[in-house]
Amino acid sequence: MENNINAHCKICGKGYHVCASCLAQKGFQPWRAVTDTMNHYKIYMSIHGYTLSHDSKKAKTALENCDLSGLENFRPEIKSAIQTIMTEH
């Protein structure tokens, strides 16, 4: 399946295969078009919400409900954003 990699997770950078129908969606972006797992999508949405609102309390609560195991393997900018959010309150 390695040769079928056509996307990279916005959280960890891992390559994965996403189906063409997910990539072709115009109205919304299915989680598979953004991340390799549903949990990484929850992390992505938490950080995205923080980027828009700058509400670190809400973002921290959202991240506390995510599985952050593997944080050391996340993309550097994601790791930094999580550390910022988690230490602001």
PDB file of N, CA and C in Angstrom:
ATOM      1  N   MET A   1       0.813  -1.197   0.000  1.00  0.00           N
ATOM      2  CA  MET A   1       0.000   0.000   0.000  1.00  0.00           C
ATOM      3  C   MET A   1       0.858   1.264   0.000  1.00  0.00           C
ATOM      4  N   GLU A   2       2.159   1.142   0.305  1.00  0.00           N
ATOM      5  CA  GLU A   2       3.028   2.307   0.346  1.00  0.00           C
ATOM      6  C   GLU A   2       3.018   3.094  -0.948  1.00  0.00           C
ATOM      7  N   ASN A   3       2.906   2.424  -2.072  1.00  0.00           N
ATOM      8  CA  ASN A   3       2.922   3.121  -3.349  1.00  0.00           C
ATOM      9  C   ASN A   3       1.603   3.839  -3.621  1.00  0.00           C
ATOM     10  N   ASN A   4       0.594   3.638  -2.780  1.00  0.00           N
ATOM     11  CA  ASN A   4      -0.696   4.316  -2.935  1.00  0.00           C
ATOM     12  C   ASN A   4      -0.806   5.568  -2.067  1.00  0.00           C
ATOM     13  N   ILE A   5       0.273   5.989  -1.448  1.00  0.00           N
ATOM     14  CA  ILE A   5       0.244   7.173  -0.596  1.00  0.00           C
ATOM     15  C   ILE A   5      -0.026   8.397  -1.467  1.00  0.00           C
ATOM     16  N   ASN A   6      -1.091   9.105  -1.133  1.00  0.00           N
ATOM     17  CA  ASN A   6      -1.417  10.323  -1.887  1.00  0.00           C
ATOM     18  C   ASN A   6      -1.807  11.482  -0.973  1.00  0.00           C
ATOM     19  N   ALA A   7      -1.562  11.330   0.328  1.00  0.00           N
ATOM     20  CA  ALA A   7      -1.856  12.396   1.285  1.00  0.00           C
ATOM     21  C   ALA A   7      -0.918  12.260   2.474  1.00  0.00           C
ATOM     22  N   HIS A   8      -0.749  13.358   3.191  1.00  0.00           N
ATOM     23  CA  HIS A   8       0.073  13.355   4.398  1.00  0.00           C
ATOM     24  C   HIS A   8      -0.715  14.014   5.520  1.00  0.00           C
ATOM     25  N   CYS A   9      -0.688  13.382   6.687  1.00  0.00           N
ATOM     26  CA  CYS A   9      -1.433  13.856   7.847  1.00  0.00           C
ATOM     27  C   CYS A   9      -0.941  15.234   8.275  1.00  0.00           C
ATOM     28  N   LYS A  10      -1.883  16.140   8.511  1.00  0.00           N
ATOM     29  CA  LYS A  10      -1.549  17.503   8.936  1.00  0.00           C
ATOM     30  C   LYS A  10      -1.035  17.542  10.370  1.00  0.00           C
ATOM     31  N   ILE A  11      -1.221  16.456  11.117  1.00  0.00           N
ATOM     32  CA  ILE A  11      -0.766  16.403  12.498  1.00  0.00           C
ATOM     33  C   ILE A  11       0.601  15.746  12.632  1.00  0.00           C
ATOM     34  N   CYS A  12       0.747  14.537  12.092  1.00  0.00           N
ATOM     35  CA  CYS A  12       1.998  13.801  12.281  1.00  0.00           C
ATOM     36  C   CYS A  12       2.880  13.743  11.034  1.00  0.00           C
ATOM     37  N   GLY A  13       2.321  14.095   9.879  1.00  0.00           N
ATOM     38  CA  GLY A  13       3.093  14.066   8.646  1.00  0.00           C
ATOM     39  C   GLY A  13       3.168  12.711   7.977  1.00  0.00           C
ATOM     40  N   LYS A  14       2.578  11.687   8.588  1.00  0.00           N
ATOM     41  CA  LYS A  14       2.615  10.331   8.036  1.00  0.00           C
ATOM     42  C   LYS A  14       1.847  10.270   6.720  1.00  0.00           C
ATOM     43  N   GLY A  15       2.411   9.580   5.739  1.00  0.00           N
ATOM     44  CA  GLY A  15       1.736   9.389   4.466  1.00  0.00           C
ATOM     45  C   GLY A  15       0.676   8.309   4.580  1.00  0.00           C
ATOM     46  N   TYR A  16      -0.428   8.494   3.876  1.00  0.00           N
ATOM     47  CA  TYR A  16      -1.510   7.513   3.874  1.00  0.00           C
ATOM     48  C   TYR A  16      -2.272   7.633   2.572  1.00  0.00           C
ATOM     49  N   HIS A  17      -3.146   6.666   2.320  1.00  0.00           N
ATOM     50  CA  HIS A  17      -3.959   6.682   1.115  1.00  0.00           C
ATOM     51  C   HIS A  17      -5.343   7.232   1.438  1.00  0.00           C
ATOM     52  N   VAL A  18      -5.803   8.168   0.628  1.00  0.00           N
ATOM     53  CA  VAL A  18      -7.155   8.705   0.758  1.00  0.00           C
ATOM     54  C   VAL A  18      -7.861   8.487  -0.578  1.00  0.00           C
ATOM     55  N   CYS A  19      -9.120   8.080  -0.502  1.00  0.00           N
ATOM     56  CA  CYS A  19      -9.854   7.775  -1.735  1.00  0.00           C
ATOM     57  C   CYS A  19     -10.153   9.049  -2.523  1.00  0.00           C
ATOM     58  N   ALA A  20     -10.339   8.901  -3.807  1.00  0.00           N
ATOM     59  CA  ALA A  20     -10.583  10.038  -4.688  1.00  0.00           C
ATOM     60  C   ALA A  20     -11.867  10.775  -4.331  1.00  0.00           C
ATOM     61  N   SER A  21     -12.876  10.062  -3.859  1.00  0.00           N
ATOM     62  CA  SER A  21     -14.135  10.739  -3.525  1.00  0.00           C
ATOM     63  C   SER A  21     -13.965  11.679  -2.336  1.00  0.00           C
ATOM     64  N   CYS A  22     -13.090  11.334  -1.390  1.00  0.00           N
ATOM     65  CA  CYS A  22     -12.823  12.236  -0.265  1.00  0.00           C
ATOM     66  C   CYS A  22     -12.090  13.486  -0.744  1.00  0.00           C
ATOM     67  N   LEU A  23     -11.153  13.302  -1.657  1.00  0.00           N
ATOM     68  CA  LEU A  23     -10.396  14.438  -2.174  1.00  0.00           C
ATOM     69  C   LEU A  23     -11.258  15.360  -3.029  1.00  0.00           C
ATOM     70  N   ALA A  24     -12.290  14.817  -3.650  1.00  0.00           N
ATOM     71  CA  ALA A  24     -13.117  15.586  -4.582  1.00  0.00           C
ATOM     72  C   ALA A  24     -14.235  16.381  -3.904  1.00  0.00           C
ATOM     73  N   GLN A  25     -14.464  16.190  -2.609  1.00  0.00           N
ATOM     74  CA  GLN A  25     -15.537  16.899  -1.915  1.00  0.00           C
ATOM     75  C   GLN A  25     -15.282  18.407  -1.958  1.00  0.00           C
ATOM     76  N   LYS A  26     -16.285  19.165  -2.336  1.00  0.00           N
ATOM     77  CA  LYS A  26     -16.156  20.622  -2.428  1.00  0.00           C
ATOM     78  C   LYS A  26     -16.778  21.338  -1.229  1.00  0.00           C
ATOM     79  N   GLY A  27     -17.901  20.844  -0.727  1.00  0.00           N
ATOM     80  CA  GLY A  27     -18.639  21.536   0.327  1.00  0.00           C
ATOM     81  C   GLY A  27     -18.033  21.412   1.707  1.00  0.00           C
ATOM     82  N   PHE A  28     -17.366  20.325   1.972  1.00  0.00           N
ATOM     83  CA  PHE A  28     -16.734  20.103   3.265  1.00  0.00           C
ATOM     84  C   PHE A  28     -15.525  19.220   3.067  1.00  0.00           C
ATOM     85  N   GLN A  29     -14.660  19.182   4.034  1.00  0.00           N
ATOM     86  CA  GLN A  29     -13.461  18.370   3.913  1.00  0.00           C
ATOM     87  C   GLN A  29     -13.566  17.186   4.871  1.00  0.00           C
ATOM     88  N   PRO A  30     -13.794  15.986   4.353  1.00  0.00           N
ATOM     89  CA  PRO A  30     -13.850  14.814   5.221  1.00  0.00           C
ATOM     90  C   PRO A  30     -12.532  14.644   5.982  1.00  0.00           C
ATOM     91  N   TRP A  31     -12.607  14.055   7.156  1.00  0.00           N
ATOM     92  CA  TRP A  31     -11.402  13.935   7.976  1.00  0.00           C
ATOM     93  C   TRP A  31     -10.291  13.194   7.251  1.00  0.00           C
ATOM     94  N   ARG A  32     -10.607  12.237   6.393  1.00  0.00           N
ATOM     95  CA  ARG A  32      -9.573  11.494   5.679  1.00  0.00           C
ATOM     96  C   ARG A  32      -8.791  12.360   4.696  1.00  0.00           C
ATOM     97  N   ALA A  33      -9.343  13.490   4.304  1.00  0.00           N
ATOM     98  CA  ALA A  33      -8.632  14.382   3.395  1.00  0.00           C
ATOM     99  C   ALA A  33      -7.628  15.259   4.148  1.00  0.00           C
ATOM    100  N   VAL A  34      -7.710  15.258   5.486  1.00  0.00           N
ATOM    101  CA  VAL A  34      -6.863  16.130   6.299  1.00  0.00           C
ATOM    102  C   VAL A  34      -5.870  15.346   7.159  1.00  0.00           C
ATOM    103  N   THR A  35      -6.340  14.242   7.739  1.00  0.00           N
ATOM    104  CA  THR A  35      -5.510  13.473   8.668  1.00  0.00           C
ATOM    105  C   THR A  35      -5.632  11.979   8.412  1.00  0.00           C
ATOM    106  N   ASP A  36      -4.734  11.235   9.036  1.00  0.00           N
ATOM    107  CA  ASP A  36      -4.741   9.780   8.855  1.00  0.00           C
ATOM    108  C   ASP A  36      -5.648   9.042   9.835  1.00  0.00           C
ATOM    109  N   THR A  37      -6.040   9.687  10.927  1.00  0.00           N
ATOM    110  CA  THR A  37      -6.926   9.056  11.910  1.00  0.00           C
ATOM    111  C   THR A  37      -7.967  10.058  12.391  1.00  0.00           C
ATOM    112  N   MET A  38      -9.066   9.548  12.918  1.00  0.00           N
ATOM    113  CA  MET A  38     -10.106  10.411  13.467  1.00  0.00           C
ATOM    114  C   MET A  38      -9.567  11.199  14.663  1.00  0.00           C
ATOM    115  N   ASN A  39      -8.731  10.579  15.493  1.00  0.00           N
ATOM    116  CA  ASN A  39      -8.168  11.297  16.635  1.00  0.00           C
ATOM    117  C   ASN A  39      -7.308  12.465  16.176  1.00  0.00           C
ATOM    118  N   HIS A  40      -6.509  12.275  15.149  1.00  0.00           N
ATOM    119  CA  HIS A  40      -5.686  13.378  14.644  1.00  0.00           C
ATOM    120  C   HIS A  40      -6.575  14.484  14.087  1.00  0.00           C
ATOM    121  N   TYR A  41      -7.728  14.114  13.543  1.00  0.00           N
ATOM    122  CA  TYR A  41      -8.669  15.133  13.057  1.00  0.00           C
ATOM    123  C   TYR A  41      -9.222  15.944  14.224  1.00  0.00           C
ATOM    124  N   LYS A  42      -9.489  15.309  15.352  1.00  0.00           N
ATOM    125  CA  LYS A  42      -9.963  16.034  16.541  1.00  0.00           C
ATOM    126  C   LYS A  42      -8.895  17.028  17.004  1.00  0.00           C
ATOM    127  N   ILE A  43      -7.642  16.601  16.976  1.00  0.00           N
ATOM    128  CA  ILE A  43      -6.540  17.492  17.342  1.00  0.00           C
ATOM    129  C   ILE A  43      -6.470  18.648  16.346  1.00  0.00           C
ATOM    130  N   TYR A  44      -6.566  18.318  15.077  1.00  0.00           N
ATOM    131  CA  TYR A  44      -6.543  19.336  14.023  1.00  0.00           C
ATOM    132  C   TYR A  44      -7.643  20.373  14.245  1.00  0.00           C
ATOM    133  N   MET A  45      -8.855  19.911  14.528  1.00  0.00           N
ATOM    134  CA  MET A  45      -9.983  20.819  14.723  1.00  0.00           C
ATOM    135  C   MET A  45      -9.804  21.668  15.980  1.00  0.00           C
ATOM    136  N   SER A  46      -9.215  21.112  17.018  1.00  0.00           N
ATOM    137  CA  SER A  46      -8.949  21.864  18.248  1.00  0.00           C
ATOM    138  C   SER A  46      -7.974  23.005  17.973  1.00  0.00           C
ATOM    139  N   ILE A  47      -6.918  22.701  17.247  1.00  0.00           N
ATOM    140  CA  ILE A  47      -5.911  23.724  16.927  1.00  0.00           C
ATOM    141  C   ILE A  47      -6.492  24.744  15.953  1.00  0.00           C
ATOM    142  N   HIS A  48      -7.252  24.279  14.987  1.00  0.00           N
ATOM    143  CA  HIS A  48      -7.884  25.184  14.022  1.00  0.00           C
ATOM    144  C   HIS A  48      -8.833  26.154  14.740  1.00  0.00           C
ATOM    145  N   GLY A  49      -9.618  25.642  15.672  1.00  0.00           N
ATOM    146  CA  GLY A  49     -10.516  26.489  16.449  1.00  0.00           C
ATOM    147  C   GLY A  49      -9.748  27.532  17.243  1.00  0.00           C
ATOM    148  N   TYR A  50      -8.631  27.141  17.823  1.00  0.00           N
ATOM    149  CA  TYR A  50      -7.789  28.071  18.572  1.00  0.00           C
ATOM    150  C   TYR A  50      -7.216  29.147  17.653  1.00  0.00           C
ATOM    151  N   THR A  51      -6.810  28.748  16.457  1.00  0.00           N
ATOM    152  CA  THR A  51      -6.260  29.691  15.490  1.00  0.00           C
ATOM    153  C   THR A  51      -7.283  30.772  15.130  1.00  0.00           C
ATOM    154  N   LEU A  52      -8.531  30.368  15.023  1.00  0.00           N
ATOM    155  CA  LEU A  52      -9.587  31.326  14.670  1.00  0.00           C
ATOM    156  C   LEU A  52     -10.036  32.171  15.847  1.00  0.00           C
ATOM    157  N   SER A  53     -10.166  31.577  17.022  1.00  0.00           N
ATOM    158  CA  SER A  53     -10.755  32.284  18.166  1.00  0.00           C
ATOM    159  C   SER A  53      -9.740  32.805  19.184  1.00  0.00           C
ATOM    160  N   HIS A  54      -8.567  32.232  19.217  1.00  0.00           N
ATOM    161  CA  HIS A  54      -7.547  32.531  20.226  1.00  0.00           C
ATOM    162  C   HIS A  54      -8.060  32.251  21.637  1.00  0.00           C
ATOM    163  N   ASP A  55      -9.029  31.362  21.736  1.00  0.00           N
ATOM    164  CA  ASP A  55      -9.603  30.965  23.018  1.00  0.00           C
ATOM    165  C   ASP A  55      -8.852  29.739  23.522  1.00  0.00           C
ATOM    166  N   SER A  56      -7.787  29.989  24.291  1.00  0.00           N
ATOM    167  CA  SER A  56      -6.940  28.883  24.727  1.00  0.00           C
ATOM    168  C   SER A  56      -7.648  27.980  25.736  1.00  0.00           C
ATOM    169  N   LYS A  57      -8.565  28.527  26.505  1.00  0.00           N
ATOM    170  CA  LYS A  57      -9.288  27.703  27.481  1.00  0.00           C
ATOM    171  C   LYS A  57     -10.146  26.660  26.761  1.00  0.00           C
ATOM    172  N   LYS A  58     -10.873  27.092  25.752  1.00  0.00           N
ATOM    173  CA  LYS A  58     -11.714  26.172  24.977  1.00  0.00           C
ATOM    174  C   LYS A  58     -10.840  25.155  24.234  1.00  0.00           C
ATOM    175  N   ALA A  59      -9.740  25.613  23.650  1.00  0.00           N
ATOM    176  CA  ALA A  59      -8.844  24.721  22.915  1.00  0.00           C
ATOM    177  C   ALA A  59      -8.205  23.700  23.854  1.00  0.00           C
ATOM    178  N   LYS A  60      -7.828  24.140  25.054  1.00  0.00           N
ATOM    179  CA  LYS A  60      -7.221  23.222  26.020  1.00  0.00           C
ATOM    180  C   LYS A  60      -8.229  22.140  26.412  1.00  0.00           C
ATOM    181  N   THR A  61      -9.471  22.538  26.662  1.00  0.00           N
ATOM    182  CA  THR A  61     -10.511  21.563  27.000  1.00  0.00           C
ATOM    183  C   THR A  61     -10.688  20.555  25.868  1.00  0.00           C
ATOM    184  N   ALA A  62     -10.702  21.045  24.633  1.00  0.00           N
ATOM    185  CA  ALA A  62     -10.847  20.159  23.474  1.00  0.00           C
ATOM    186  C   ALA A  62      -9.664  19.199  23.373  1.00  0.00           C
ATOM    187  N   LEU A  63      -8.455  19.712  23.566  1.00  0.00           N
ATOM    188  CA  LEU A  63      -7.264  18.860  23.469  1.00  0.00           C
ATOM    189  C   LEU A  63      -7.192  17.839  24.601  1.00  0.00           C
ATOM    190  N   GLU A  64      -7.718  18.201  25.779  1.00  0.00           N
ATOM    191  CA  GLU A  64      -7.728  17.254  26.897  1.00  0.00           C
ATOM    192  C   GLU A  64      -8.625  16.048  26.602  1.00  0.00           C
ATOM    193  N   ASN A  65      -9.526  16.201  25.643  1.00  0.00           N
ATOM    194  CA  ASN A  65     -10.401  15.107  25.239  1.00  0.00           C
ATOM    195  C   ASN A  65      -9.855  14.342  24.036  1.00  0.00           C
ATOM    196  N   CYS A  66      -8.627  14.625  23.657  1.00  0.00           N
ATOM    197  CA  CYS A  66      -7.965  13.945  22.544  1.00  0.00           C
ATOM    198  C   CYS A  66      -6.864  13.041  23.095  1.00  0.00           C
ATOM    199  N   ASP A  67      -6.524  12.042  22.338  1.00  0.00           N
ATOM    200  CA  ASP A  67      -5.395  11.174  22.663  1.00  0.00           C
ATOM    201  C   ASP A  67      -4.138  11.842  22.099  1.00  0.00           C
ATOM    202  N   LEU A  68      -3.320  12.377  22.977  1.00  0.00           N
ATOM    203  CA  LEU A  68      -2.107  13.073  22.548  1.00  0.00           C
ATOM    204  C   LEU A  68      -0.874  12.171  22.581  1.00  0.00           C
ATOM    205  N   SER A  69      -1.098  10.868  22.687  1.00  0.00           N
ATOM    206  CA  SER A  69       0.051   9.959  22.647  1.00  0.00           C
ATOM    207  C   SER A  69       0.707  10.081  21.271  1.00  0.00           C
ATOM    208  N   GLY A  70       1.996   9.998  21.269  1.00  0.00           N
ATOM    209  CA  GLY A  70       2.739  10.176  20.021  1.00  0.00           C
ATOM    210  C   GLY A  70       3.075  11.627  19.747  1.00  0.00           C
ATOM    211  N   LEU A  71       2.815  12.507  20.716  1.00  0.00           N
ATOM    212  CA  LEU A  71       3.083  13.939  20.553  1.00  0.00           C
ATOM    213  C   LEU A  71       4.501  14.202  20.056  1.00  0.00           C
ATOM    214  N   GLU A  72       5.437  13.391  20.524  1.00  0.00           N
ATOM    215  CA  GLU A  72       6.830  13.590  20.124  1.00  0.00           C
ATOM    216  C   GLU A  72       7.034  13.364  18.625  1.00  0.00           C
ATOM    217  N   ASN A  73       6.088  12.694  17.964  1.00  0.00           N
ATOM    218  CA  ASN A  73       6.194  12.442  16.528  1.00  0.00           C
ATOM    219  C   ASN A  73       5.344  13.387  15.680  1.00  0.00           C
ATOM    220  N   PHE A  74       4.666  14.333  16.325  1.00  0.00           N
ATOM    221  CA  PHE A  74       3.846  15.283  15.575  1.00  0.00           C
ATOM    222  C   PHE A  74       4.746  16.274  14.842  1.00  0.00           C
ATOM    223  N   ARG A  75       4.189  16.893  13.825  1.00  0.00           N
ATOM    224  CA  ARG A  75       4.927  17.923  13.096  1.00  0.00           C
ATOM    225  C   ARG A  75       5.325  19.022  14.092  1.00  0.00           C
ATOM    226  N   PRO A  76       6.504  19.629  13.923  1.00  0.00           N
ATOM    227  CA  PRO A  76       6.996  20.608  14.899  1.00  0.00           C
ATOM    228  C   PRO A  76       6.016  21.752  15.191  1.00  0.00           C
ATOM    229  N   GLU A  77       5.353  22.265  14.168  1.00  0.00           N
ATOM    230  CA  GLU A  77       4.434  23.386  14.398  1.00  0.00           C
ATOM    231  C   GLU A  77       3.181  22.950  15.160  1.00  0.00           C
ATOM    232  N   ILE A  78       2.786  21.699  15.006  1.00  0.00           N
ATOM    233  CA  ILE A  78       1.635  21.161  15.733  1.00  0.00           C
ATOM    234  C   ILE A  78       2.020  20.958  17.193  1.00  0.00           C
ATOM    235  N   LYS A  79       3.176  20.364  17.416  1.00  0.00           N
ATOM    236  CA  LYS A  79       3.678  20.148  18.768  1.00  0.00           C
ATOM    237  C   LYS A  79       3.793  21.485  19.513  1.00  0.00           C
ATOM    238  N   SER A  80       4.320  22.486  18.845  1.00  0.00           N
ATOM    239  CA  SER A  80       4.467  23.808  19.445  1.00  0.00           C
ATOM    240  C   SER A  80       3.113  24.426  19.786  1.00  0.00           C
ATOM    241  N   ALA A  81       2.145  24.312  18.879  1.00  0.00           N
ATOM    242  CA  ALA A  81       0.808  24.856  19.125  1.00  0.00           C
ATOM    243  C   ALA A  81       0.165  24.174  20.324  1.00  0.00           C
ATOM    244  N   ILE A  82       0.289  22.855  20.422  1.00  0.00           N
ATOM    245  CA  ILE A  82      -0.285  22.116  21.542  1.00  0.00           C
ATOM    246  C   ILE A  82       0.368  22.547  22.845  1.00  0.00           C
ATOM    247  N   GLN A  83       1.677  22.655  22.854  1.00  0.00           N
ATOM    248  CA  GLN A  83       2.382  23.073  24.062  1.00  0.00           C
ATOM    249  C   GLN A  83       1.968  24.478  24.491  1.00  0.00           C
ATOM    250  N   THR A  84       1.792  25.382  23.529  1.00  0.00           N
ATOM    251  CA  THR A  84       1.338  26.738  23.827  1.00  0.00           C
ATOM    252  C   THR A  84      -0.047  26.724  24.448  1.00  0.00           C
ATOM    253  N   ILE A  85      -0.956  26.014  23.829  1.00  0.00           N
ATOM    254  CA  ILE A  85      -2.338  25.945  24.317  1.00  0.00           C
ATOM    255  C   ILE A  85      -2.385  25.341  25.710  1.00  0.00           C
ATOM    256  N   MET A  86      -1.669  24.271  25.932  1.00  0.00           N
ATOM    257  CA  MET A  86      -1.745  23.552  27.199  1.00  0.00           C
ATOM    258  C   MET A  86      -1.079  24.323  28.347  1.00  0.00           C
ATOM    259  N   THR A  87      -0.195  25.271  28.053  1.00  0.00           N
ATOM    260  CA  THR A  87       0.470  26.013  29.110  1.00  0.00           C
ATOM    261  C   THR A  87      -0.093  27.405  29.339  1.00  0.00           C
ATOM    262  N   GLU A  88      -1.022  27.847  28.510  1.00  0.00           N
ATOM    263  CA  GLU A  88      -1.572  29.192  28.671  1.00  0.00           C
ATOM    264  C   GLU A  88      -2.498  29.314  29.877  1.00  0.00           C
ATOM    265  N   HIS A  89      -3.081  28.210  30.337  1.00  0.00           N
ATOM    266  CA  HIS A  89      -3.966  28.266  31.513  1.00  0.00           C
ATOM    267  C   HIS A  89      -3.551  27.259  32.525  1.00  0.00           C
TER     268      HIS A  89
END
